[in-house]
Amino acid sequence: MVMVIPSVAANESDLRLWAGAASAVATTAAVAVALFREPLRDYWTKPRLRILPFDRREADGVEMLSPDKTVEEVWVRLRIQNNGRRTARMVEVTIDGLVPIDVGAEAKTRDEQFRRQQDAANVGRQLKWADRATETIDIPARTSRRVDLFHLLTGEPRYITGNGEIAVPIRLTLFPPSKVAREILPALKYRVVVTIVGMNVRPVGYELDICFGGVWREKGGMWKGECGGVEVGEPRRIKVDGRRKM
């Protein structure tokens, strides 16, 4: 048997081939990292906004008196939470849909009592951030801020029902306030669609149902269940047009 011993030149040639392949792989990896590092970092650290379920224990429902203590008020707020790792900049919440879902004789009566403008006049209008007078706000990572959805009050316009109760309408909390009373909603049940947008935030859409018993109730009765008072349904995530940005 004759043993063939590889030459030194052949070994060196193979090593050069392997070294060249390894260098090409390393170069490709370096280019890939350079190309995708920033997009990946932005994806994992970007702001992520969502609406949390309504919870009175978290101050989402607030009862107050007017400064002169003559008018009682109830405010319903939504918590917008940033679950991301970066501050959400210049965030605003707008109404993108408003549909009454109650019908019948009572709905017709309330429409005659309280109707000022068509409900659709509120679509595209911005909601007011709670306790703030700015159009937009920043929401730091892992924190939440509240936006006022609607409120009720014992002042005008109001009507006395047949059994002596005070009938009051739902009032959206718009920013800036409406000059033509478009915020007054006569119906008792609505499906509301809202969209959250921001400078560095993809648009996020939600829909939720709101319900109100129609009359002012004393001593905490405004939160009575089964629409005896105010009820806010679970927020449901919906698709929105991804092109809509600030």
Protein backbone atom coordinates (compact mmCIF):
# COMPACT_ATOMS: atom_id res chain seq x y z
CA MET A 1 0.00 0.00 0.00
CA VAL A 2 1.24 3.44 -0.93
CA MET A 3 0.42 6.28 1.53
CA VAL A 4 -0.21 9.70 -0.05
CA ILE A 5 0.83 12.58 2.17
CA PRO A 6 -0.87 15.95 1.37
CA SER A 7 1.52 18.65 0.45
CA VAL A 8 2.08 21.74 2.58
CA ALA A 9 0.93 23.89 -0.34
CA ALA A 10 -2.44 22.10 -0.49
CA ASN A 11 -3.00 22.62 3.23
CA GLU A 12 -2.20 26.30 2.93
CA SER A 13 -4.62 26.64 0.00
CA ASP A 14 -7.45 25.05 2.03
CA LEU A 15 -6.71 27.32 4.96
CA ARG A 16 -6.88 30.36 2.74
CA LEU A 17 -10.25 29.24 1.40
CA TRP A 18 -11.62 28.72 4.91
CA ALA A 19 -10.24 32.06 6.05
CA GLY A 20 -11.82 33.80 3.07
CA ALA A 21 -15.20 32.18 3.74
CA ALA A 22 -15.04 33.10 7.43
CA SER A 23 -14.15 36.68 6.54
CA ALA A 24 -17.08 36.91 4.12
CA VAL A 25 -19.47 35.58 6.76
CA ALA A 26 -18.14 38.04 9.34
CA THR A 27 -18.46 40.93 6.88
CA THR A 28 -22.05 39.94 6.03
CA ALA A 29 -22.93 39.67 9.72
CA ALA A 30 -21.41 43.07 10.44
CA VAL A 31 -23.40 44.65 7.59
CA ALA A 32 -26.61 42.98 8.81
CA VAL A 33 -26.05 44.25 12.33
CA ALA A 34 -25.39 47.75 11.03
CA LEU A 35 -28.53 47.67 8.89
CA PHE A 36 -30.95 46.21 11.42
CA ARG A 37 -29.59 47.35 14.79
CA GLU A 38 -31.50 50.62 14.89
CA PRO A 39 -34.82 49.20 13.59
CA LEU A 40 -34.63 46.35 16.10
CA ARG A 41 -33.76 48.70 18.93
CA ASP A 42 -36.65 50.99 17.98
CA TYR A 43 -39.03 48.02 17.83
CA TRP A 44 -38.14 46.72 21.28
CA THR A 45 -38.02 50.11 23.00
CA LYS A 46 -40.85 52.00 21.25
CA PRO A 47 -43.83 53.37 23.23
CA ARG A 48 -46.80 50.98 23.42
CA LEU A 49 -50.08 52.63 24.39
CA ARG A 50 -53.29 50.98 25.51
CA ILE A 51 -56.52 51.88 27.31
CA LEU A 52 -56.97 50.18 30.67
CA PRO A 53 -60.39 48.95 31.85
CA PHE A 54 -62.48 51.53 33.71
CA ASP A 55 -62.02 51.20 37.49
CA ARG A 56 -63.48 53.63 40.04
CA ARG A 57 -60.94 52.43 42.61
CA GLU A 58 -58.24 53.88 40.36
CA ALA A 59 -59.97 57.29 40.26
CA ASP A 60 -61.38 56.70 36.78
CA GLY A 61 -64.75 57.87 38.11
CA VAL A 62 -64.75 61.11 40.10
CA GLU A 63 -67.51 63.05 41.90
CA MET A 64 -67.00 66.77 42.49
CA LEU A 65 -68.75 70.01 43.38
CA SER A 66 -68.52 73.18 41.33
CA PRO A 67 -66.40 75.96 42.90
CA ASP A 68 -69.53 77.69 44.21
CA LYS A 69 -70.86 74.33 45.48
CA THR A 70 -74.13 74.72 43.60
CA VAL A 71 -73.61 72.05 40.93
CA GLU A 72 -72.67 68.41 41.46
CA GLU A 73 -70.53 66.74 38.80
CA VAL A 74 -69.49 63.22 37.83
CA TRP A 75 -66.47 62.72 35.57
CA VAL A 76 -65.63 59.54 33.66
CA ARG A 77 -62.00 59.11 32.61
CA LEU A 78 -59.95 56.62 30.61
CA ARG A 79 -56.42 55.63 31.63
CA ILE A 80 -53.94 55.60 28.77
CA GLN A 81 -50.95 53.44 29.75
CA ASN A 82 -47.52 53.37 28.11
CA ASN A 83 -46.19 49.82 28.37
CA GLY A 84 -43.14 50.57 26.26
CA ARG A 85 -39.59 51.49 27.23
CA ARG A 86 -39.60 54.99 25.79
CA THR A 87 -41.64 58.14 26.48
CA ALA A 88 -44.61 58.61 24.15
CA ARG A 89 -44.43 62.17 22.78
CA MET A 90 -47.24 64.59 22.00
CA VAL A 91 -50.08 62.11 22.56
CA GLU A 92 -53.71 62.98 21.86
CA VAL A 93 -56.99 61.02 21.88
CA THR A 94 -59.71 61.70 19.33
CA ILE A 95 -63.27 60.47 18.81
CA ASP A 96 -63.49 58.47 15.58
CA GLY A 97 -66.97 57.03 16.01
CA LEU A 98 -70.09 57.69 18.08
CA VAL A 99 -73.16 55.50 17.61
CA PRO A 100 -76.30 55.47 19.84
CA ILE A 101 -77.37 51.92 20.64
CA ASP A 102 -80.59 52.55 22.60
CA VAL A 103 -83.99 52.89 20.96
CA GLY A 104 -87.59 53.36 22.02
CA ALA A 105 -89.94 56.03 23.33
CA GLU A 106 -87.58 57.23 26.07
CA ALA A 107 -84.79 57.76 23.56
CA LYS A 108 -87.11 59.88 21.39
CA THR A 109 -88.19 61.97 24.39
CA ARG A 110 -84.60 62.61 25.45
CA ASP A 111 -83.67 63.52 21.90
CA GLU A 112 -86.35 66.20 21.91
CA GLN A 113 -85.19 67.47 25.31
CA PHE A 114 -81.43 67.56 24.86
CA ARG A 115 -80.52 67.44 21.18
CA ARG A 116 -78.39 70.43 20.13
CA GLN A 117 -76.28 69.02 17.26
CA GLN A 118 -75.98 65.72 15.45
CA ASP A 119 -73.80 63.14 17.22
CA ALA A 120 -71.57 62.93 14.14
CA ALA A 121 -70.46 66.52 14.80
CA ASN A 122 -68.19 65.09 17.51
CA VAL A 123 -66.29 62.72 15.20
CA GLY A 124 -62.73 63.91 14.73
CA ARG A 125 -62.81 66.08 17.84
CA GLN A 126 -60.17 65.70 20.52
CA LEU A 127 -60.82 64.64 24.12
CA LYS A 128 -59.40 66.70 26.99
CA TRP A 129 -56.57 65.38 29.15
CA ALA A 130 -57.69 65.25 32.79
CA ASP A 131 -56.60 68.26 34.85
CA ARG A 132 -54.49 69.64 32.00
CA ALA A 133 -54.96 72.55 29.64
CA THR A 134 -52.69 71.38 26.83
CA GLU A 135 -53.65 69.82 23.53
CA THR A 136 -51.08 67.01 23.79
CA ILE A 137 -49.02 65.46 26.58
CA ASP A 138 -46.04 63.14 26.98
CA ILE A 139 -46.54 59.78 28.71
CA PRO A 140 -43.32 58.37 30.23
CA ALA A 141 -42.57 54.66 29.99
CA ARG A 142 -44.41 52.39 32.45
CA THR A 143 -46.82 55.15 33.51
CA SER A 144 -50.38 56.17 32.67
CA ARG A 145 -52.33 59.41 32.18
CA ARG A 146 -56.07 60.01 32.16
CA VAL A 147 -58.21 61.54 29.47
CA ASP A 148 -61.72 62.83 30.27
CA LEU A 149 -64.32 60.93 28.25
CA PHE A 150 -67.58 62.46 29.48
CA HIS A 151 -69.19 64.11 32.47
CA LEU A 152 -72.61 64.71 33.98
CA LEU A 153 -73.84 67.60 36.08
CA THR A 154 -76.97 68.79 37.85
CA GLY A 155 -76.95 72.20 36.17
CA GLU A 156 -78.81 73.20 33.00
CA PRO A 157 -80.05 71.85 30.69
CA ARG A 158 -82.14 69.63 32.91
CA TYR A 159 -85.70 68.40 33.08
CA ILE A 160 -87.87 67.04 35.86
CA THR A 161 -89.32 63.62 35.09
CA GLY A 162 -92.85 62.54 36.00
CA ASN A 163 -91.68 61.08 39.31
CA GLY A 164 -89.70 64.18 40.27
CA GLU A 165 -86.20 63.01 39.22
CA ILE A 166 -83.76 65.28 37.39
CA ALA A 167 -83.05 64.09 33.84
CA VAL A 168 -79.56 65.03 32.64
CA PRO A 169 -77.63 64.37 29.40
CA ILE A 170 -74.21 62.88 28.82
CA ARG A 171 -71.61 65.54 27.97
CA LEU A 172 -68.45 64.63 26.10
CA THR A 173 -65.35 66.42 27.40
CA LEU A 174 -63.91 67.99 24.27
CA PHE A 175 -60.75 70.05 23.78
CA PRO A 176 -61.19 72.85 23.13
CA PRO A 177 -64.76 73.11 24.52
CA SER A 178 -67.47 73.29 21.90
CA LYS A 179 -69.13 76.66 21.27
CA VAL A 180 -72.24 75.09 19.71
CA ALA A 181 -73.10 72.48 22.39
CA ARG A 182 -72.13 69.55 20.17
CA GLU A 183 -70.87 67.69 23.25
CA ILE A 184 -74.39 67.14 24.65
CA LEU A 185 -75.56 63.58 23.92
CA PRO A 186 -79.26 62.80 24.38
CA ALA A 187 -79.15 58.97 24.16
CA LEU A 188 -78.53 56.69 27.14
CA LYS A 189 -76.25 54.13 25.45
CA TYR A 190 -73.43 54.75 22.99
CA ARG A 191 -70.65 52.85 21.29
CA VAL A 192 -67.62 55.13 21.27
CA VAL A 193 -64.57 54.67 19.02
CA VAL A 194 -61.39 56.50 20.01
CA THR A 195 -57.95 56.66 18.42
CA ILE A 196 -54.69 57.38 20.26
CA VAL A 197 -51.98 59.06 18.20
CA GLY A 198 -48.60 60.61 18.96
CA MET A 199 -45.41 61.89 17.39
CA ASN A 200 -43.54 58.59 17.94
CA VAL A 201 -46.56 56.29 18.38
CA ARG A 202 -48.40 54.15 15.88
CA PRO A 203 -52.16 54.89 15.92
CA VAL A 204 -54.08 52.66 18.34
CA GLY A 205 -57.86 52.25 18.10
CA TYR A 206 -60.37 51.16 20.74
CA GLU A 207 -64.13 50.91 21.02
CA LEU A 208 -66.16 50.76 24.20
CA ASP A 209 -69.80 51.03 25.23
CA ILE A 210 -71.05 53.62 27.70
CA CYS A 211 -74.40 53.55 29.43
CA PHE A 212 -76.29 55.94 31.72
CA GLY A 213 -79.59 55.63 33.61
CA GLY A 214 -80.69 59.08 32.50
CA VAL A 215 -81.41 60.77 35.84
CA TRP A 216 -79.29 62.25 38.59
CA ARG A 217 -78.96 60.04 41.66
CA GLU A 218 -77.77 61.13 45.08
CA LYS A 219 -75.44 59.47 47.61
CA GLY A 220 -73.30 57.47 45.23
CA GLY A 221 -76.25 56.29 43.16
CA MET A 222 -74.63 57.56 39.98
CA TRP A 223 -72.55 54.36 39.90
CA LYS A 224 -75.47 51.99 40.30
CA GLY A 225 -75.10 48.92 38.10
CA GLU A 226 -77.18 47.70 35.15
CA CYS A 227 -77.37 51.25 33.81
CA GLY A 228 -79.16 52.65 36.80
CA GLY A 229 -76.21 55.03 36.86
CA VAL A 230 -73.00 55.30 34.85
CA GLU A 231 -71.39 52.21 33.31
CA VAL A 232 -68.33 51.93 31.09
CA GLY A 233 -67.74 48.74 29.15
CA GLU A 234 -64.49 46.91 28.53
CA PRO A 235 -62.28 48.68 25.96
CA ARG A 236 -61.81 46.54 22.83
CA ARG A 237 -58.80 46.94 20.53
CA ILE A 238 -59.69 47.58 16.89
CA LYS A 239 -57.74 48.14 13.68
CA VAL A 240 -57.07 51.67 12.50
CA ASP A 241 -55.54 53.17 9.39
CA GLY A 242 -51.80 52.84 10.02
CA ARG A 243 -51.13 55.90 7.87
CA ARG A 244 -52.71 58.21 10.39
CA LYS A 245 -49.90 59.90 12.30
CA MET A 246 -49.19 63.31 13.76
